[in-house]
Amino acid sequence: MFSKKYMKKLLPVALTTSLILGGSAFTFNEEVLAKPKEDKGKVENIIFLIGDGMGPNYTSAYRYFKDDPSTPYTENTAFDEHLIGMQETYSWDPEESITDSAAAATSMAAGIKTYNNAIAVDMQKNEVKTALELAKEKGKATGLVATSQVNHATPASFGAHDESRHNYNDIADDYFDEKVNGEHKIDVLLGGGTTYFKREDRDLTNDFQKDGYSYVESREELMEDSNDQIVGLFAPKGMDKMIDRSSDAPSLEEMTSSALDRLSEDKDGFFLMVEGSQIDWAGHDNDVVAAMSDMQDFEAAYEEAIEFAKNNKNTLVVTTADHSTGGMAMGRDGEYQWNPEPLKAAKRTPDFMAAEISEGAGVEKTLEQYVDLDLTDDEVQSVKDAAENGSVTEIDNAIEHIFDIRSGTGWTTGGHTGEDVIVYGYGPQSQQFAGLHDNHEVGQKVMNLMENGKMKKQAHK
C-alpha cells in the first residue's frame, strides 16, 4: 500500500499523464470545473452564521481534524464548498486597531465601523439600526441563537444597543423593552444566560411569558415546545463546550433547527443570526481540544442551515467570523508537523479535567478516564506539579500543553488577532459577498438584501 503522503505526490503526476496521453484513469465533470452559477433570485430569508474567533487557522486545522487518513487527499469540511470571499476585521477603536467581538458584530449587524465594546452604537454612541431590526420593520420573524449567554457581545449587537458590551443586565432588558412597530423585536432567543434574565430586580423570563412567549431551560423542553415565540436559556452564563455538554442541553445544531422550524412559519420571511460562540473562548484559553469540539458544533449548525436553504430557495446563508483568536498555529518548535489524532483522544476539555482534579479527583484517575492516550510519566507529572499548587488555571494549562506538544499546536496570544477571515455564501445573491470586503460592507450587503430582496447600489469604503 502507498502511504497517503506518497499518493498525494503520485496522483497529480498520474492525472497529468492521463490528460496528455488520453488515458481514461481520470474523468473530469464539467460542472466541477465550471465557475459556480450566480443565483440572482430574490432573498426572503437570511441566515447569518458567525463563528466567533474562527480565523482561517481554525478552519484549516478543522479540515485536518476531520480528514480520513486512508484517502490520498484531505477531504473538505462542510464549509469549504461554499467559500466565496474574505473579510477585513479591524475596528475604529482609537486605542486598539484589532477588533473585539462587539465592534465586529456591530459592523456586520449595522453596516458601520465603530469602537471596541460598542453594542450597535456608532463612534458618538448613537444607536444604529441593525439587520434584525430592519427585518422586524419589514414584518419578518427574527431570531438569535448562541452558545454563549444570549446577551453576549455578538448576539447583543444584533438585538440591543449599549455603549458597553459589559452592561449585561441592560442588554438583556433591551431584548424585552425595545420594540419595533410596537412588537418585541426578537421572536426566538436561544442560548445561555439565566443569570441575567432571572435576577432579584427583574425576572425577564416571566415578562416574556406574560407576552405569550414560551420559556424553556432544557433540551427536552425545547424539543417538545411548538410556540412560534420562545426564550430558551440552558446555562447560568455560557453553555458548556460541545465536548463537555450534558444531554440535558441542546447542541447548536438543535437550537438552529428549532429556530428555523419556528421562524419559517412566518409568510413574510425571517432573519436568523447563529453564533458558534465558544470557538473564540477556546482560542482565548489556548485550548485546541475545545476549539475543534466547538468547530464541530458550529459545522453541524452550518449544515442544518444549508440543508434548510436547499429546500427553501429564497434563503441566503452567509457565514463568516468576527476575527481570529489566540494566534493558533499548525506547527511549532521548528517541526513541520501538525497531527490532530491526539486531540481525538480527549473525551473532555482540559478545563473540565482541571476542575475535577481541583475538586479532589486524582490526577492519574482523571487523565485515564478522559484521555485515551498512553501518557508518559513526565506528562502525568507535569499535571501533578500543577495540581500541587492548587490552581485550576495551572492544571488546565498543563493538560493543554500536553495536547499542544502532541499535536504540534502553537499559540501567540490569549487575545484576538487581526488577520482577514473567510466568508462563505450559499443561496440567492450569495455571489454579492465574493471577493474581499470590509466587515461593515458585509453588514451593508446583508441590510441591503433584507431591505430590497436583491442588491441595490450601495456606498463603499
Protein backbone atom coordinates (compact mmCIF):
# COMPACT_ATOMS: atom_id res chain seq x y z
CA MET A 1 0.00 0.00 0.00
CA PHE A 2 1.18 3.50 -0.82
CA SER A 3 1.25 5.96 2.07
CA LYS A 4 -1.11 8.90 1.94
CA LYS A 5 1.87 11.27 1.71
CA TYR A 6 3.24 9.35 -1.29
CA MET A 7 -0.15 9.21 -3.01
CA LYS A 8 -0.51 12.97 -2.71
CA LYS A 9 2.67 13.26 -4.78
CA LEU A 10 1.80 10.43 -7.18
CA LEU A 11 -1.77 11.35 -8.15
CA PRO A 12 -1.06 14.75 -9.75
CA VAL A 13 1.60 13.09 -11.93
CA ALA A 14 -0.80 10.32 -12.93
CA LEU A 15 -3.51 12.87 -13.67
CA THR A 16 -1.22 14.95 -15.87
CA THR A 17 -0.03 11.85 -17.72
CA SER A 18 -3.58 10.71 -18.25
CA LEU A 19 -4.58 14.05 -19.74
CA ILE A 20 -1.58 14.16 -22.08
CA LEU A 21 -1.84 10.57 -23.29
CA GLY A 22 -5.59 10.47 -23.45
CA GLY A 23 -5.80 7.90 -20.69
CA SER A 24 -9.12 7.09 -19.06
CA ALA A 25 -7.99 6.77 -15.47
CA PHE A 26 -9.44 10.17 -14.55
CA THR A 27 -12.60 11.81 -15.84
CA PHE A 28 -13.49 15.47 -15.29
CA ASN A 29 -17.04 16.56 -14.79
CA GLU A 30 -17.57 19.94 -16.48
CA GLU A 31 -19.76 21.04 -13.59
CA VAL A 32 -16.80 20.62 -11.23
CA LEU A 33 -14.57 22.82 -13.37
CA ALA A 34 -17.20 25.47 -14.11
CA LYS A 35 -17.45 28.62 -12.06
CA PRO A 36 -20.45 28.41 -9.73
CA LYS A 37 -23.50 29.94 -11.37
CA GLU A 38 -24.69 33.06 -9.64
CA ASP A 39 -28.21 32.81 -8.28
CA LYS A 40 -29.92 36.15 -8.85
CA GLY A 41 -33.18 35.18 -7.15
CA LYS A 42 -34.92 37.25 -4.52
CA VAL A 43 -33.91 36.90 -0.89
CA GLU A 44 -36.74 36.42 1.59
CA ASN A 45 -34.86 34.74 4.44
CA ILE A 46 -31.32 35.37 5.72
CA ILE A 47 -29.39 33.03 7.97
CA PHE A 48 -26.23 34.76 9.18
CA LEU A 49 -23.81 32.39 10.91
CA ILE A 50 -20.81 33.74 12.82
CA GLY A 51 -18.03 31.52 14.10
CA ASP A 52 -16.70 33.76 16.84
CA GLY A 53 -12.90 33.76 16.71
CA MET A 54 -12.92 31.40 13.72
CA GLY A 55 -9.92 32.62 11.75
CA PRO A 56 -8.53 30.71 8.73
CA ASN A 57 -6.20 28.77 11.04
CA TYR A 58 -9.24 27.21 12.72
CA THR A 59 -10.94 26.14 9.51
CA SER A 60 -7.65 24.71 8.18
CA ALA A 61 -6.99 22.81 11.40
CA TYR A 62 -10.55 21.53 11.42
CA ARG A 63 -10.07 20.17 7.89
CA TYR A 64 -7.05 18.19 9.15
CA PHE A 65 -9.08 17.13 12.19
CA LYS A 66 -11.89 15.73 10.01
CA ASP A 67 -9.55 14.16 7.43
CA ASP A 68 -9.79 10.49 6.56
CA PRO A 69 -6.16 9.30 6.69
CA SER A 70 -6.95 6.31 4.46
CA THR A 71 -7.54 8.57 1.43
CA PRO A 72 -4.80 10.35 -0.56
CA TYR A 73 -6.24 13.85 -0.38
CA THR A 74 -7.62 15.83 2.54
CA GLU A 75 -11.42 15.89 2.43
CA ASN A 76 -13.33 19.16 2.51
CA THR A 77 -15.36 20.21 5.50
CA ALA A 78 -18.94 21.35 5.05
CA PHE A 79 -17.73 24.94 4.87
CA ASP A 80 -15.23 24.57 2.05
CA GLU A 81 -17.67 24.05 -0.82
CA HIS A 82 -19.17 27.49 -0.31
CA LEU A 83 -16.05 29.64 0.27
CA ILE A 84 -16.54 32.84 -1.73
CA GLY A 85 -14.53 35.63 -0.14
CA MET A 86 -12.61 37.26 2.68
CA GLN A 87 -13.48 39.93 5.21
CA GLU A 88 -11.35 42.62 6.87
CA THR A 89 -11.89 42.85 10.60
CA TYR A 90 -10.22 45.97 12.06
CA SER A 91 -12.19 48.32 14.30
CA TRP A 92 -12.18 52.10 14.57
CA ASP A 93 -11.20 52.00 18.22
CA PRO A 94 -8.83 54.90 18.96
CA GLU A 95 -6.57 52.70 21.10
CA GLU A 96 -6.93 49.19 19.64
CA SER A 97 -6.76 48.50 15.91
CA ILE A 98 -7.55 44.81 16.42
CA THR A 99 -11.28 44.39 16.87
CA ASP A 100 -13.22 42.89 19.71
CA SER A 101 -16.43 40.93 19.14
CA ALA A 102 -18.72 43.87 19.86
CA ALA A 103 -17.24 46.24 17.27
CA ALA A 104 -17.01 43.50 14.66
CA ALA A 105 -20.55 42.29 15.29
CA THR A 106 -21.88 45.85 15.13
CA SER A 107 -20.17 46.28 11.76
CA MET A 108 -21.81 43.12 10.44
CA ALA A 109 -25.16 43.85 12.10
CA ALA A 110 -25.49 47.51 11.16
CA GLY A 111 -23.05 48.21 8.33
CA ILE A 112 -20.91 50.76 10.20
CA LYS A 113 -17.44 50.90 11.77
CA THR A 114 -17.22 51.61 15.49
CA TYR A 115 -15.11 51.31 18.65
CA ASN A 116 -14.37 48.17 20.67
CA ASN A 117 -17.09 47.34 23.24
CA ALA A 118 -19.81 49.12 21.23
CA ILE A 119 -23.15 47.34 21.01
CA ALA A 120 -24.98 48.66 17.92
CA VAL A 121 -23.88 52.25 18.52
CA ASP A 122 -21.61 54.42 16.40
CA MET A 123 -18.44 56.31 17.34
CA GLN A 124 -20.56 59.01 19.03
CA LYS A 125 -22.52 56.30 20.92
CA ASN A 126 -25.67 56.94 18.91
CA GLU A 127 -27.90 53.92 18.36
CA VAL A 128 -27.84 52.45 14.85
CA LYS A 129 -30.40 50.22 13.18
CA THR A 130 -29.45 46.57 12.83
CA ALA A 131 -30.33 43.96 10.21
CA LEU A 132 -32.51 42.21 12.77
CA GLU A 133 -34.42 45.41 13.50
CA LEU A 134 -34.80 46.08 9.79
CA ALA A 135 -36.20 42.59 9.33
CA LYS A 136 -38.76 43.21 12.04
CA GLU A 137 -39.70 46.52 10.39
CA LYS A 138 -40.37 44.52 7.22
CA GLY A 139 -42.73 42.24 9.14
CA LYS A 140 -40.32 39.30 9.24
CA ALA A 141 -39.71 36.88 12.09
CA THR A 142 -36.35 37.16 13.87
CA GLY A 143 -34.08 35.03 15.98
CA LEU A 144 -30.77 34.96 17.85
CA VAL A 145 -29.00 31.70 18.72
CA ALA A 146 -25.67 31.40 20.56
CA THR A 147 -23.73 29.05 22.83
CA SER A 148 -22.56 31.98 24.96
CA GLN A 149 -25.04 33.88 27.07
CA VAL A 150 -27.53 35.32 24.58
CA ASN A 151 -26.75 38.85 25.76
CA HIS A 152 -23.04 38.44 24.96
CA ALA A 153 -21.33 40.79 22.50
CA THR A 154 -22.21 39.18 19.16
CA PRO A 155 -25.92 38.47 19.62
CA ALA A 156 -26.30 41.72 21.57
CA SER A 157 -25.02 43.74 18.62
CA PHE A 158 -27.91 42.47 16.51
CA GLY A 159 -30.67 42.78 19.12
CA ALA A 160 -29.76 45.59 21.56
CA HIS A 161 -27.96 48.93 21.92
CA ASP A 162 -25.44 49.90 24.58
CA GLU A 163 -22.23 51.87 24.85
CA SER A 164 -20.58 48.87 26.55
CA ARG A 165 -20.83 45.15 25.93
CA HIS A 166 -20.27 44.60 29.66
CA ASN A 167 -23.68 46.01 30.65
CA TYR A 168 -25.20 42.54 30.52
CA ASN A 169 -28.35 43.28 32.54
CA ASP A 170 -29.17 46.36 30.47
CA ILE A 171 -28.67 44.39 27.25
CA ALA A 172 -30.98 41.64 28.50
CA ASP A 173 -33.54 44.33 29.36
CA ASP A 174 -33.25 45.74 25.83
CA TYR A 175 -34.33 42.41 24.39
CA PHE A 176 -37.68 42.83 26.11
CA ASP A 177 -38.08 46.60 26.38
CA GLU A 178 -37.01 47.72 22.90
CA LYS A 179 -39.76 47.21 20.37
CA VAL A 180 -40.25 47.68 16.64
CA ASN A 181 -43.68 48.83 15.50
CA GLY A 182 -44.98 48.03 18.97
CA GLU A 183 -43.75 44.42 18.86
CA HIS A 184 -40.89 42.61 20.55
CA LYS A 185 -38.09 42.54 18.02
CA ILE A 186 -36.76 39.04 18.77
CA ASP A 187 -39.10 36.09 18.34
CA VAL A 188 -36.66 33.26 19.07
CA LEU A 189 -33.87 33.66 21.64
CA LEU A 190 -31.80 30.55 22.43
CA GLY A 191 -28.53 30.11 24.34
CA GLY A 192 -27.20 30.63 27.86
CA GLY A 193 -27.74 33.41 30.37
CA THR A 194 -30.29 32.70 33.12
CA THR A 195 -28.14 34.80 35.48
CA TYR A 196 -29.02 37.93 33.52
CA PHE A 197 -32.67 37.16 32.79
CA LYS A 198 -33.77 35.86 36.20
CA ARG A 199 -32.50 38.49 38.63
CA GLU A 200 -33.53 39.82 42.02
CA ASP A 201 -34.56 43.14 40.49
CA ARG A 202 -36.36 41.66 37.48
CA ASP A 203 -37.42 38.34 36.01
CA LEU A 204 -37.42 38.78 32.25
CA THR A 205 -38.48 35.18 31.71
CA ASN A 206 -41.79 35.98 33.43
CA ASP A 207 -42.12 39.19 31.42
CA PHE A 208 -41.72 37.29 28.16
CA GLN A 209 -44.16 34.59 29.20
CA LYS A 210 -46.80 37.19 30.08
CA ASP A 211 -46.46 38.42 26.49
CA GLY A 212 -47.08 34.97 25.02
CA TYR A 213 -43.57 33.52 24.77
CA SER A 214 -42.64 30.03 25.88
CA TYR A 215 -39.74 29.72 28.28
CA VAL A 216 -37.61 26.55 28.38
CA GLU A 217 -34.44 25.51 30.20
CA SER A 218 -33.65 22.05 28.80
CA ARG A 219 -33.23 20.23 25.51
CA GLU A 220 -36.34 18.15 26.17
CA GLU A 221 -38.47 21.22 26.85
CA LEU A 222 -37.17 22.88 23.69
CA MET A 223 -37.97 19.85 21.54
CA GLU A 224 -41.46 19.46 22.98
CA ASP A 225 -42.44 23.13 22.61
CA SER A 226 -44.12 24.36 19.41
CA ASN A 227 -44.74 28.03 20.17
CA ASP A 228 -43.53 30.45 17.46
CA GLN A 229 -42.05 32.77 20.10
CA ILE A 230 -39.67 31.31 22.64
CA VAL A 231 -36.88 32.13 25.07
CA GLY A 232 -34.60 29.19 25.84
CA LEU A 233 -31.80 29.59 28.39
CA PHE A 234 -29.72 26.49 29.04
CA ALA A 235 -26.96 27.68 31.39
CA PRO A 236 -26.36 30.40 34.00
CA LYS A 237 -23.93 32.14 31.63
CA GLY A 238 -22.28 30.50 28.62
CA MET A 239 -23.21 26.92 27.77
CA ASP A 240 -20.61 24.19 28.16
CA LYS A 241 -18.27 23.36 25.30
CA MET A 242 -19.83 20.78 23.00
CA ILE A 243 -17.50 18.00 24.17
CA ASP A 244 -18.46 18.74 27.80
CA ARG A 245 -22.18 19.39 27.28
CA SER A 246 -24.67 17.15 29.03
CA SER A 247 -27.60 15.53 27.25
CA ASP A 248 -29.91 17.97 29.05
CA ALA A 249 -28.61 20.84 26.92
CA PRO A 250 -29.22 21.17 23.17
CA SER A 251 -26.46 21.31 20.58
CA LEU A 252 -26.03 24.37 18.39
CA GLU A 253 -27.44 22.31 15.53
CA GLU A 254 -30.58 21.51 17.53
CA MET A 255 -31.06 25.14 18.55
CA THR A 256 -30.61 26.22 14.93
CA SER A 257 -33.08 23.62 13.69
CA SER A 258 -35.61 24.59 16.35
CA ALA A 259 -35.26 28.27 15.45
CA LEU A 260 -35.70 27.58 11.74
CA ASP A 261 -38.80 25.47 12.37
CA ARG A 262 -40.42 28.39 14.18
CA LEU A 263 -39.22 31.30 12.07
CA SER A 264 -40.10 29.65 8.75
CA GLU A 265 -43.77 29.73 9.72
CA ASP A 266 -43.79 33.48 9.03
CA LYS A 267 -45.03 34.07 5.46
CA ASP A 268 -43.06 37.32 5.21
CA GLY A 269 -39.71 35.59 5.79
CA PHE A 270 -37.17 35.79 8.59
CA PHE A 271 -33.72 36.83 9.78
CA LEU A 272 -31.70 34.48 11.99
CA MET A 273 -28.24 35.03 13.46
CA VAL A 274 -26.47 31.92 14.75
CA GLU A 275 -23.19 32.21 16.65
CA GLY A 276 -20.68 29.47 17.38
CA SER A 277 -19.60 31.50 20.38
CA GLN A 278 -17.05 29.33 22.06
CA ILE A 279 -14.59 28.78 19.26
CA ASP A 280 -13.42 32.16 20.48
CA TRP A 281 -13.44 31.15 24.13
CA ALA A 282 -11.29 28.13 23.29
CA GLY A 283 -8.86 30.43 21.50
CA HIS A 284 -8.64 32.77 24.47
CA ASP A 285 -7.82 29.76 26.62
CA ASN A 286 -5.34 28.39 24.06
CA ASP A 287 -7.28 25.11 24.14
CA VAL A 288 -7.10 23.27 20.83
CA VAL A 289 -9.24 20.38 22.10
CA ALA A 290 -12.12 22.75 22.89
CA ALA A 291 -11.56 24.62 19.62
CA MET A 292 -12.02 21.50 17.49
CA SER A 293 -15.02 20.43 19.58
CA ASP A 294 -16.82 23.71 19.02
CA MET A 295 -15.81 23.85 15.36
CA GLN A 296 -17.66 20.54 15.05
CA ASP A 297 -20.68 22.01 16.85
CA PHE A 298 -20.65 25.01 14.51
CA GLU A 299 -20.24 22.89 11.38
CA ALA A 300 -23.31 20.85 12.29
CA ALA A 301 -25.35 24.04 12.68
CA TYR A 302 -23.98 25.28 9.36
CA GLU A 303 -25.05 22.07 7.64
CA GLU A 304 -28.53 22.48 9.13
CA ALA A 305 -28.74 25.99 7.67
CA ILE A 306 -27.51 24.88 4.23
CA GLU A 307 -29.98 21.99 4.15
CA PHE A 308 -32.79 24.40 5.01
CA ALA A 309 -31.69 26.75 2.24
CA LYS A 310 -31.57 23.92 -0.31
CA ASN A 311 -35.23 23.22 0.44
CA ASN A 312 -36.23 26.88 0.67
CA LYS A 313 -34.91 28.53 -2.48
CA ASN A 314 -35.30 32.13 -1.31
CA THR A 315 -32.96 31.65 1.65
CA LEU A 316 -29.50 33.21 1.72
CA VAL A 317 -26.88 31.74 4.06
CA VAL A 318 -23.88 33.94 4.88
CA THR A 319 -21.21 32.54 7.18
CA THR A 320 -18.07 34.21 8.48
CA ALA A 321 -16.10 35.08 11.62
CA ASP A 322 -15.78 38.33 13.52
CA HIS A 323 -12.00 37.92 13.99
CA SER A 324 -9.49 35.22 14.87
CA THR A 325 -8.38 34.41 18.42
CA GLY A 326 -5.24 33.11 20.09
CA GLY A 327 -2.88 33.18 17.12
CA MET A 328 -3.24 29.42 16.76
CA ALA A 329 -0.51 27.88 14.59
CA MET A 330 -0.44 24.48 12.92
CA GLY A 331 3.20 23.67 13.68
CA ARG A 332 5.58 24.66 16.45
CA ASP A 333 9.21 24.48 17.59
CA GLY A 334 10.56 24.17 14.05
CA GLU A 335 8.76 20.88 13.39
CA TYR A 336 6.91 20.56 10.07
CA GLN A 337 4.07 18.58 11.57
CA TRP A 338 0.51 19.07 12.79
CA ASN A 339 -1.17 15.89 13.98
CA PRO A 340 -4.84 16.02 15.07
CA GLU A 341 -5.00 12.40 16.26
CA PRO A 342 -4.10 13.17 19.90
CA LEU A 343 -6.94 15.71 20.01
CA LYS A 344 -9.42 12.99 19.12
CA ALA A 345 -8.26 11.06 22.17
CA ALA A 346 -9.74 13.69 24.51
CA LYS A 347 -13.18 12.88 25.91
CA ARG A 348 -13.49 16.20 27.75
CA THR A 349 -11.79 19.58 27.57
CA PRO A 350 -8.73 20.33 29.72
CA ASP A 351 -10.95 22.83 31.58
CA PHE A 352 -13.33 20.03 32.56
CA MET A 353 -10.50 17.76 33.66
CA ALA A 354 -8.76 20.52 35.61
CA ALA A 355 -11.96 21.31 37.51
CA GLU A 356 -12.37 17.66 38.53
CA ILE A 357 -8.76 17.42 39.67
CA SER A 358 -9.03 20.63 41.69
CA GLU A 359 -12.13 19.23 43.42
CA GLY A 360 -10.22 16.20 44.64
CA ALA A 361 -10.23 13.67 41.82
CA GLY A 362 -6.86 12.03 41.41
CA VAL A 363 -4.64 13.16 38.54
CA GLU A 364 -3.98 9.67 37.18
CA LYS A 365 -7.61 8.63 37.52
CA THR A 366 -8.89 11.75 35.74
CA LEU A 367 -6.38 11.58 32.90
CA GLU A 368 -7.01 7.86 32.42
CA GLN A 369 -10.77 8.44 32.35
CA TYR A 370 -10.80 11.32 29.87
CA VAL A 371 -7.64 10.96 27.76
CA ASP A 372 -7.35 7.88 25.56
CA LEU A 373 -3.56 8.14 25.21
CA ASP A 374 -0.57 6.39 26.75
CA LEU A 375 0.72 9.41 28.60
CA THR A 376 4.37 9.49 29.63
CA ASP A 377 5.48 9.73 33.23
CA ASP A 378 6.72 13.26 32.54
CA GLU A 379 3.32 14.32 31.12
CA VAL A 380 1.45 12.96 34.13
CA GLN A 381 3.98 14.52 36.50
CA SER A 382 3.53 17.93 34.86
CA VAL A 383 -0.16 17.81 35.78
CA LYS A 384 0.64 16.61 39.31
CA ASP A 385 3.05 19.50 39.77
CA ALA A 386 0.35 21.93 38.68
CA ALA A 387 -2.19 20.31 40.99
CA GLU A 388 0.12 20.71 43.98
CA ASN A 389 -0.03 24.48 43.51
CA GLY A 390 -3.79 24.34 43.90
CA SER A 391 -4.52 26.49 40.82
CA VAL A 392 -7.21 25.31 38.40
CA THR A 393 -5.68 27.52 35.72
CA GLU A 394 -2.25 25.94 36.13
CA ILE A 395 -3.75 22.43 35.96
CA ASP A 396 -5.67 23.43 32.85
CA ASN A 397 -2.54 24.89 31.25
CA ALA A 398 -0.55 21.73 31.98
CA ILE A 399 -3.14 19.49 30.32
CA GLU A 400 -3.47 21.86 27.36
CA HIS A 401 0.31 21.80 26.95
CA ILE A 402 0.26 18.02 26.56
CA PHE A 403 -2.17 18.31 23.65
CA ASP A 404 -0.26 21.25 22.15
CA ILE A 405 3.02 19.33 22.10
CA ARG A 406 1.49 16.09 20.88
CA SER A 407 -0.45 17.78 18.07
CA GLY A 408 2.13 20.43 17.18
CA THR A 409 -0.13 23.37 18.03
CA GLY A 410 1.31 26.79 18.81
CA TRP A 411 -0.25 29.99 20.19
CA THR A 412 0.88 33.61 20.16
CA THR A 413 -1.64 35.31 22.43
CA GLY A 414 -4.58 34.92 24.76
CA GLY A 415 -6.37 37.68 22.85
CA HIS A 416 -7.59 38.41 19.34
CA THR A 417 -5.51 38.67 16.18
CA GLY A 418 -6.03 40.94 13.21
CA GLU A 419 -5.94 38.76 10.07
CA ASP A 420 -8.72 38.66 7.47
CA VAL A 421 -11.36 35.97 7.92
CA ILE A 422 -13.17 33.78 5.40
CA VAL A 423 -16.68 34.41 4.05
CA TYR A 424 -18.90 31.55 2.92
CA GLY A 425 -22.11 32.02 0.97
CA TYR A 426 -24.99 29.91 -0.34
CA GLY A 427 -28.30 30.77 -1.98
CA PRO A 428 -29.72 33.73 -3.90
CA GLN A 429 -27.43 36.78 -4.17
CA SER A 430 -24.61 34.93 -2.41
CA GLN A 431 -22.08 36.00 -5.05
CA GLN A 432 -22.52 39.57 -3.81
CA PHE A 433 -20.23 38.51 -0.98
CA ALA A 434 -17.48 37.18 -3.26
CA GLY A 435 -14.08 38.86 -3.06
CA LEU A 436 -12.58 40.97 -0.29
CA HIS A 437 -14.87 43.25 1.73
CA ASP A 438 -14.61 45.16 4.94
CA ASN A 439 -16.83 43.80 7.70
CA HIS A 440 -19.06 46.88 7.57
CA GLU A 441 -19.56 46.29 3.83
CA VAL A 442 -20.70 42.75 4.57
CA GLY A 443 -23.18 44.28 7.01
CA GLN A 444 -24.36 46.77 4.39
CA LYS A 445 -24.94 43.98 1.90
CA VAL A 446 -26.96 41.97 4.40
CA MET A 447 -29.11 45.01 5.23
CA ASN A 448 -29.48 45.89 1.55
CA LEU A 449 -30.77 42.41 0.78
CA MET A 450 -33.03 42.46 3.81
CA GLU A 451 -34.49 45.76 2.59
CA ASN A 452 -34.82 45.01 -1.10
CA GLY A 453 -34.54 41.26 -1.63
CA LYS A 454 -31.98 41.98 -4.36
CA MET A 455 -28.80 44.00 -4.29
CA LYS A 456 -29.10 47.74 -4.91
CA LYS A 457 -26.29 50.21 -5.32
CA GLN A 458 -24.59 50.95 -2.01
CA ALA A 459 -21.80 53.08 -0.60
CA HIS A 460 -18.28 51.71 -0.43
CA LYS A 461 -15.45 52.39 1.95
